[in-house]
Amino acid sequence: MASISDLQTQLAELESTTDDARRNELALYLMDRKVPGLVEVLVRLIQRLELHNNRGTLVYCLSHFDCRRHFEFLVELVITGNYEVAHHAMDALWKIELSRVKANKVLAAIEQARARDDLHDHQREFIEHLWKWFE
């Protein structure tokens, strides 16, 4: 069993490594152990522009935590992410018990996304699922 110190070292490595396979391995390992601070690190990594095409596993890991604080971020990932990212973001969203106030805050973003002409088929499909969820 890893010590708290070892887990914190691995958390720091997760955020600093440039090796995609190692990053994914660490994210999954730390997710399984529910390491404190992991959610914030995952969100920062997912937001990094240089990781735009390597975020699927990170979003998958994020979806295993309470994501209420990141609701708007997850909606953005559904709208803008590739299929894997959007799929895992939708999984995280389904797990959130949503207040009506919070739902109304993101409804405008979903409406704007529905009107866009430049969406991929998977994006349009996930956005329509979100739209139906708010009906």
N, C-alpha and C. Protein backbone atom coordinates (compact mmCIF):
# COMPACT_ATOMS: atom_id res chain seq x y z
N MET A 1 0.83 -1.17 0.00
CA MET A 1 0.00 0.00 0.00
C MET A 1 0.88 1.24 0.00
N ALA A 2 0.55 2.20 -0.85
CA ALA A 2 1.34 3.41 -0.97
C ALA A 2 1.08 4.34 0.21
N SER A 3 2.15 5.00 0.65
CA SER A 3 2.01 5.96 1.74
C SER A 3 1.42 7.26 1.20
N ILE A 4 0.95 8.10 2.11
CA ILE A 4 0.39 9.40 1.70
C ILE A 4 1.45 10.21 0.97
N SER A 5 2.67 10.13 1.45
CA SER A 5 3.79 10.85 0.82
C SER A 5 4.01 10.36 -0.61
N ASP A 6 3.96 9.03 -0.80
CA ASP A 6 4.11 8.46 -2.15
C ASP A 6 2.99 8.93 -3.07
N LEU A 7 1.76 8.94 -2.55
CA LEU A 7 0.62 9.37 -3.36
C LEU A 7 0.74 10.84 -3.74
N GLN A 8 1.20 11.67 -2.82
CA GLN A 8 1.38 13.09 -3.13
C GLN A 8 2.49 13.29 -4.17
N THR A 9 3.53 12.47 -4.08
CA THR A 9 4.60 12.52 -5.09
C THR A 9 4.05 12.12 -6.46
N GLN A 10 3.23 11.09 -6.48
CA GLN A 10 2.63 10.64 -7.75
C GLN A 10 1.66 11.68 -8.29
N LEU A 11 0.95 12.37 -7.41
CA LEU A 11 0.04 13.44 -7.83
C LEU A 11 0.83 14.57 -8.50
N ALA A 12 1.97 14.92 -7.91
CA ALA A 12 2.83 15.95 -8.50
C ALA A 12 3.38 15.48 -9.85
N GLU A 13 3.75 14.20 -9.93
CA GLU A 13 4.25 13.66 -11.20
C GLU A 13 3.15 13.67 -12.26
N LEU A 14 1.93 13.34 -11.86
CA LEU A 14 0.80 13.38 -12.80
C LEU A 14 0.70 14.74 -13.46
N GLU A 15 0.84 15.78 -12.68
CA GLU A 15 0.68 17.13 -13.22
C GLU A 15 1.89 17.57 -14.04
N SER A 16 3.04 17.00 -13.80
CA SER A 16 4.25 17.48 -14.48
C SER A 16 4.73 16.61 -15.64
N THR A 17 4.31 15.36 -15.71
CA THR A 17 4.86 14.48 -16.74
C THR A 17 4.41 14.91 -18.14
N THR A 18 5.28 14.69 -19.10
CA THR A 18 4.94 14.94 -20.51
C THR A 18 4.66 13.62 -21.24
N ASP A 19 4.77 12.52 -20.54
CA ASP A 19 4.54 11.19 -21.12
C ASP A 19 3.04 10.85 -20.99
N ASP A 20 2.35 10.80 -22.12
CA ASP A 20 0.90 10.56 -22.11
C ASP A 20 0.52 9.25 -21.44
N ALA A 21 1.24 8.18 -21.74
CA ALA A 21 0.93 6.87 -21.16
C ALA A 21 1.13 6.90 -19.64
N ARG A 22 2.22 7.51 -19.19
CA ARG A 22 2.48 7.61 -17.75
C ARG A 22 1.42 8.45 -17.07
N ARG A 23 1.02 9.56 -17.71
CA ARG A 23 -0.02 10.42 -17.14
C ARG A 23 -1.32 9.64 -16.95
N ASN A 24 -1.71 8.89 -17.97
CA ASN A 24 -2.94 8.09 -17.87
C ASN A 24 -2.83 7.02 -16.79
N GLU A 25 -1.69 6.36 -16.73
CA GLU A 25 -1.46 5.33 -15.71
C GLU A 25 -1.59 5.93 -14.31
N LEU A 26 -0.95 7.07 -14.09
CA LEU A 26 -1.01 7.72 -12.79
C LEU A 26 -2.43 8.18 -12.46
N ALA A 27 -3.12 8.75 -13.44
CA ALA A 27 -4.48 9.24 -13.21
C ALA A 27 -5.39 8.10 -12.77
N LEU A 28 -5.30 6.98 -13.45
CA LEU A 28 -6.13 5.82 -13.10
C LEU A 28 -5.77 5.27 -11.72
N TYR A 29 -4.48 5.18 -11.44
CA TYR A 29 -4.01 4.67 -10.15
C TYR A 29 -4.51 5.57 -9.02
N LEU A 30 -4.34 6.87 -9.18
CA LEU A 30 -4.74 7.82 -8.14
C LEU A 30 -6.26 7.90 -8.01
N MET A 31 -6.97 7.74 -9.13
CA MET A 31 -8.44 7.71 -9.09
C MET A 31 -8.92 6.55 -8.22
N ASP A 32 -8.33 5.39 -8.43
CA ASP A 32 -8.72 4.20 -7.66
C ASP A 32 -8.51 4.40 -6.16
N ARG A 33 -7.56 5.23 -5.81
CA ARG A 33 -7.23 5.46 -4.40
C ARG A 33 -7.88 6.73 -3.84
N LYS A 34 -8.69 7.41 -4.68
CA LYS A 34 -9.42 8.62 -4.24
C LYS A 34 -8.49 9.61 -3.54
N VAL A 35 -7.37 9.89 -4.17
CA VAL A 35 -6.35 10.76 -3.58
C VAL A 35 -6.87 12.19 -3.47
N PRO A 36 -6.79 12.79 -2.27
CA PRO A 36 -7.21 14.18 -2.12
C PRO A 36 -6.41 15.10 -3.04
N GLY A 37 -7.10 16.04 -3.65
CA GLY A 37 -6.44 16.98 -4.55
C GLY A 37 -6.45 16.53 -6.01
N LEU A 38 -6.83 15.29 -6.26
CA LEU A 38 -6.79 14.78 -7.63
C LEU A 38 -7.76 15.51 -8.54
N VAL A 39 -8.95 15.82 -8.06
CA VAL A 39 -9.95 16.47 -8.92
C VAL A 39 -9.40 17.78 -9.48
N GLU A 40 -8.80 18.58 -8.63
CA GLU A 40 -8.26 19.87 -9.08
C GLU A 40 -7.15 19.70 -10.10
N VAL A 41 -6.29 18.70 -9.87
CA VAL A 41 -5.21 18.42 -10.82
C VAL A 41 -5.79 17.96 -12.16
N LEU A 42 -6.79 17.08 -12.12
CA LEU A 42 -7.42 16.61 -13.36
C LEU A 42 -8.03 17.77 -14.14
N VAL A 43 -8.73 18.65 -13.47
CA VAL A 43 -9.34 19.79 -14.15
C VAL A 43 -8.27 20.66 -14.81
N ARG A 44 -7.18 20.93 -14.08
CA ARG A 44 -6.10 21.75 -14.67
C ARG A 44 -5.49 21.05 -15.89
N LEU A 45 -5.30 19.74 -15.79
CA LEU A 45 -4.72 19.00 -16.93
C LEU A 45 -5.66 19.01 -18.13
N ILE A 46 -6.93 18.80 -17.89
CA ILE A 46 -7.91 18.77 -18.97
C ILE A 46 -7.97 20.12 -19.67
N GLN A 47 -7.72 21.19 -18.95
CA GLN A 47 -7.77 22.53 -19.52
C GLN A 47 -6.51 22.90 -20.30
N ARG A 48 -5.44 22.15 -20.16
CA ARG A 48 -4.20 22.47 -20.86
C ARG A 48 -4.37 22.29 -22.37
N LEU A 49 -4.01 23.33 -23.09
CA LEU A 49 -4.14 23.30 -24.56
C LEU A 49 -3.29 22.20 -25.18
N GLU A 50 -2.10 21.97 -24.66
CA GLU A 50 -1.21 20.96 -25.26
C GLU A 50 -1.71 19.54 -25.04
N LEU A 51 -2.68 19.36 -24.16
CA LEU A 51 -3.24 18.03 -23.92
C LEU A 51 -4.60 17.85 -24.59
N HIS A 52 -4.97 18.78 -25.43
CA HIS A 52 -6.31 18.78 -26.04
C HIS A 52 -6.67 17.43 -26.67
N ASN A 53 -5.72 16.77 -27.28
CA ASN A 53 -6.00 15.49 -27.94
C ASN A 53 -5.69 14.28 -27.06
N ASN A 54 -5.42 14.52 -25.80
CA ASN A 54 -5.06 13.43 -24.88
C ASN A 54 -5.78 13.59 -23.54
N ARG A 55 -7.08 13.88 -23.58
CA ARG A 55 -7.82 14.16 -22.35
C ARG A 55 -8.83 13.10 -21.97
N GLY A 56 -9.10 12.14 -22.82
CA GLY A 56 -10.16 11.18 -22.57
C GLY A 56 -10.03 10.45 -21.25
N THR A 57 -8.87 9.90 -20.96
CA THR A 57 -8.67 9.18 -19.71
C THR A 57 -8.79 10.11 -18.52
N LEU A 58 -8.32 11.34 -18.67
CA LEU A 58 -8.41 12.31 -17.57
C LEU A 58 -9.86 12.64 -17.26
N VAL A 59 -10.69 12.81 -18.29
CA VAL A 59 -12.11 13.09 -18.06
C VAL A 59 -12.79 11.85 -17.48
N TYR A 60 -12.40 10.67 -17.94
CA TYR A 60 -12.91 9.43 -17.37
C TYR A 60 -12.64 9.40 -15.87
N CYS A 61 -11.42 9.70 -15.48
CA CYS A 61 -11.06 9.70 -14.06
C CYS A 61 -11.87 10.76 -13.30
N LEU A 62 -12.01 11.93 -13.87
CA LEU A 62 -12.79 13.00 -13.23
C LEU A 62 -14.23 12.55 -12.99
N SER A 63 -14.77 11.76 -13.91
CA SER A 63 -16.17 11.35 -13.80
C SER A 63 -16.44 10.43 -12.61
N HIS A 64 -15.40 9.95 -11.97
CA HIS A 64 -15.55 9.07 -10.81
C HIS A 64 -15.59 9.83 -9.48
N PHE A 65 -15.65 11.15 -9.57
CA PHE A 65 -15.70 11.99 -8.38
C PHE A 65 -16.95 12.85 -8.41
N ASP A 66 -17.23 13.49 -7.31
CA ASP A 66 -18.33 14.45 -7.23
C ASP A 66 -17.93 15.67 -8.05
N CYS A 67 -18.63 15.91 -9.14
CA CYS A 67 -18.27 16.97 -10.09
C CYS A 67 -19.25 18.15 -10.06
N ARG A 68 -20.04 18.26 -9.02
CA ARG A 68 -21.01 19.36 -8.97
C ARG A 68 -20.36 20.72 -9.16
N ARG A 69 -19.19 20.93 -8.57
CA ARG A 69 -18.51 22.23 -8.70
C ARG A 69 -18.03 22.48 -10.13
N HIS A 70 -17.98 21.45 -10.93
CA HIS A 70 -17.43 21.58 -12.29
C HIS A 70 -18.50 21.35 -13.35
N PHE A 71 -19.74 21.57 -12.97
CA PHE A 71 -20.86 21.31 -13.88
C PHE A 71 -20.71 22.06 -15.20
N GLU A 72 -20.48 23.38 -15.14
CA GLU A 72 -20.37 24.17 -16.36
C GLU A 72 -19.19 23.71 -17.22
N PHE A 73 -18.08 23.37 -16.56
CA PHE A 73 -16.90 22.86 -17.26
C PHE A 73 -17.24 21.57 -18.01
N LEU A 74 -17.98 20.68 -17.38
CA LEU A 74 -18.37 19.43 -18.03
C LEU A 74 -19.28 19.68 -19.22
N VAL A 75 -20.20 20.62 -19.10
CA VAL A 75 -21.06 20.97 -20.23
C VAL A 75 -20.20 21.48 -21.38
N GLU A 76 -19.23 22.31 -21.07
CA GLU A 76 -18.31 22.81 -22.10
C GLU A 76 -17.58 21.66 -22.79
N LEU A 77 -17.15 20.67 -22.02
CA LEU A 77 -16.46 19.52 -22.60
C LEU A 77 -17.39 18.72 -23.51
N VAL A 78 -18.65 18.61 -23.15
CA VAL A 78 -19.62 17.92 -24.02
C VAL A 78 -19.73 18.66 -25.34
N ILE A 79 -19.79 19.97 -25.27
CA ILE A 79 -19.99 20.79 -26.47
C ILE A 79 -18.74 20.82 -27.34
N THR A 80 -17.56 20.89 -26.73
CA THR A 80 -16.34 21.12 -27.51
C THR A 80 -15.42 19.91 -27.64
N GLY A 81 -15.64 18.87 -26.83
CA GLY A 81 -14.70 17.76 -26.80
C GLY A 81 -14.89 16.77 -27.94
N ASN A 82 -13.85 15.95 -28.14
CA ASN A 82 -13.99 14.86 -29.10
C ASN A 82 -14.95 13.83 -28.52
N TYR A 83 -15.18 12.75 -29.24
CA TYR A 83 -16.18 11.78 -28.79
C TYR A 83 -15.88 11.23 -27.41
N GLU A 84 -14.65 10.81 -27.17
CA GLU A 84 -14.30 10.19 -25.89
C GLU A 84 -14.47 11.20 -24.74
N VAL A 85 -13.98 12.40 -24.93
CA VAL A 85 -14.10 13.44 -23.90
C VAL A 85 -15.57 13.75 -23.63
N ALA A 86 -16.35 13.96 -24.69
CA ALA A 86 -17.77 14.29 -24.54
C ALA A 86 -18.52 13.14 -23.85
N HIS A 87 -18.20 11.93 -24.22
CA HIS A 87 -18.86 10.75 -23.63
C HIS A 87 -18.61 10.69 -22.12
N HIS A 88 -17.36 10.83 -21.71
CA HIS A 88 -17.03 10.76 -20.29
C HIS A 88 -17.58 11.96 -19.53
N ALA A 89 -17.61 13.12 -20.17
CA ALA A 89 -18.20 14.30 -19.53
C ALA A 89 -19.70 14.09 -19.31
N MET A 90 -20.38 13.47 -20.29
CA MET A 90 -21.80 13.16 -20.13
C MET A 90 -22.01 12.19 -18.97
N ASP A 91 -21.14 11.18 -18.86
CA ASP A 91 -21.24 10.25 -17.73
C ASP A 91 -21.16 10.99 -16.40
N ALA A 92 -20.24 11.93 -16.31
CA ALA A 92 -20.10 12.71 -15.07
C ALA A 92 -21.34 13.55 -14.82
N LEU A 93 -21.89 14.14 -15.88
CA LEU A 93 -23.08 14.99 -15.72
C LEU A 93 -24.28 14.19 -15.24
N TRP A 94 -24.45 12.97 -15.75
CA TRP A 94 -25.61 12.16 -15.34
C TRP A 94 -25.59 11.87 -13.85
N LYS A 95 -24.41 11.87 -13.25
CA LYS A 95 -24.29 11.54 -11.83
C LYS A 95 -24.58 12.72 -10.91
N ILE A 96 -24.71 13.90 -11.48
CA ILE A 96 -24.89 15.11 -10.67
C ILE A 96 -26.37 15.36 -10.41
N GLU A 97 -26.71 15.53 -9.15
CA GLU A 97 -28.06 15.97 -8.81
C GLU A 97 -28.06 17.49 -8.93
N LEU A 98 -28.86 17.98 -9.80
CA LEU A 98 -28.79 19.36 -10.22
C LEU A 98 -29.91 20.20 -9.64
N SER A 99 -29.54 21.35 -9.12
CA SER A 99 -30.58 22.29 -8.71
C SER A 99 -31.10 22.99 -9.96
N ARG A 100 -32.32 23.43 -9.92
CA ARG A 100 -32.93 24.11 -11.06
C ARG A 100 -32.18 25.41 -11.38
N VAL A 101 -31.69 26.09 -10.36
CA VAL A 101 -30.95 27.34 -10.57
C VAL A 101 -29.70 27.06 -11.39
N LYS A 102 -28.96 26.04 -11.01
CA LYS A 102 -27.74 25.70 -11.74
C LYS A 102 -28.08 25.27 -13.17
N ALA A 103 -29.14 24.53 -13.31
CA ALA A 103 -29.55 24.08 -14.65
C ALA A 103 -29.86 25.27 -15.55
N ASN A 104 -30.53 26.26 -15.02
CA ASN A 104 -30.86 27.44 -15.82
C ASN A 104 -29.62 28.22 -16.22
N LYS A 105 -28.57 28.17 -15.41
CA LYS A 105 -27.33 28.89 -15.72
C LYS A 105 -26.67 28.37 -17.00
N VAL A 106 -26.78 27.07 -17.26
CA VAL A 106 -26.09 26.52 -18.43
C VAL A 106 -27.02 26.33 -19.62
N LEU A 107 -28.28 26.51 -19.43
CA LEU A 107 -29.24 26.31 -20.52
C LEU A 107 -28.93 27.22 -21.70
N ALA A 108 -28.52 28.45 -21.45
CA ALA A 108 -28.18 29.38 -22.53
C ALA A 108 -27.01 28.86 -23.36
N ALA A 109 -26.01 28.28 -22.70
CA ALA A 109 -24.86 27.74 -23.44
C ALA A 109 -25.28 26.57 -24.31
N ILE A 110 -26.17 25.75 -23.82
CA ILE A 110 -26.66 24.62 -24.60
C ILE A 110 -27.46 25.12 -25.80
N GLU A 111 -28.30 26.13 -25.58
CA GLU A 111 -29.08 26.70 -26.68
C GLU A 111 -28.17 27.28 -27.75
N GLN A 112 -27.13 27.99 -27.34
CA GLN A 112 -26.17 28.53 -28.31
C GLN A 112 -25.47 27.42 -29.08
N ALA A 113 -25.09 26.39 -28.37
CA ALA A 113 -24.40 25.27 -29.03
C ALA A 113 -25.31 24.59 -30.05
N ARG A 114 -26.58 24.45 -29.72
CA ARG A 114 -27.52 23.81 -30.64
C ARG A 114 -27.63 24.57 -31.95
N ALA A 115 -27.42 25.87 -31.90
CA ALA A 115 -27.56 26.71 -33.09
C ALA A 115 -26.31 26.73 -33.97
N ARG A 116 -25.22 26.18 -33.49
CA ARG A 116 -23.98 26.22 -34.26
C ARG A 116 -24.05 25.29 -35.47
N ASP A 117 -23.39 25.70 -36.54
CA ASP A 117 -23.34 24.91 -37.77
C ASP A 117 -22.07 24.07 -37.88
N ASP A 118 -21.11 24.30 -37.02
CA ASP A 118 -19.79 23.67 -37.16
C ASP A 118 -19.59 22.46 -36.23
N LEU A 119 -20.65 21.88 -35.75
CA LEU A 119 -20.55 20.76 -34.82
C LEU A 119 -20.35 19.43 -35.55
N HIS A 120 -19.58 18.56 -34.92
CA HIS A 120 -19.47 17.19 -35.40
C HIS A 120 -20.72 16.44 -34.98
N ASP A 121 -20.99 15.32 -35.63
CA ASP A 121 -22.19 14.55 -35.32
C ASP A 121 -22.26 14.15 -33.85
N HIS A 122 -21.13 13.70 -33.29
CA HIS A 122 -21.16 13.28 -31.88
C HIS A 122 -21.46 14.46 -30.97
N GLN A 123 -20.94 15.65 -31.31
CA GLN A 123 -21.23 16.82 -30.49
C GLN A 123 -22.72 17.16 -30.53
N ARG A 124 -23.28 17.15 -31.70
CA ARG A 124 -24.71 17.45 -31.84
C ARG A 124 -25.55 16.43 -31.06
N GLU A 125 -25.15 15.16 -31.13
CA GLU A 125 -25.88 14.11 -30.41
C GLU A 125 -25.84 14.33 -28.90
N PHE A 126 -24.64 14.60 -28.37
CA PHE A 126 -24.52 14.82 -26.93
C PHE A 126 -25.24 16.09 -26.50
N ILE A 127 -25.17 17.13 -27.30
CA ILE A 127 -25.86 18.38 -26.98
C ILE A 127 -27.37 18.16 -26.95
N GLU A 128 -27.87 17.37 -27.87
CA GLU A 128 -29.31 17.07 -27.88
C GLU A 128 -29.71 16.27 -26.63
N HIS A 129 -28.82 15.37 -26.19
CA HIS A 129 -29.09 14.64 -24.94
C HIS A 129 -29.17 15.62 -23.77
N LEU A 130 -28.24 16.57 -23.74
CA LEU A 130 -28.28 17.58 -22.68
C LEU A 130 -29.57 18.39 -22.75
N TRP A 131 -29.93 18.79 -23.94
CA TRP A 131 -31.15 19.59 -24.14
C TRP A 131 -32.37 18.84 -23.60
N LYS A 132 -32.46 17.57 -23.94
CA LYS A 132 -33.60 16.77 -23.47
C LYS A 132 -33.59 16.63 -21.96
N TRP A 133 -32.41 16.58 -21.38
CA TRP A 133 -32.29 16.46 -19.95
C TRP A 133 -32.89 17.68 -19.24
N PHE A 134 -32.80 18.84 -19.90
CA PHE A 134 -33.30 20.07 -19.31
C PHE A 134 -34.76 20.35 -19.63
N GLU A 135 -35.34 19.58 -20.51
CA GLU A 135 -36.76 19.79 -20.87
C GLU A 135 -37.67 19.46 -19.72
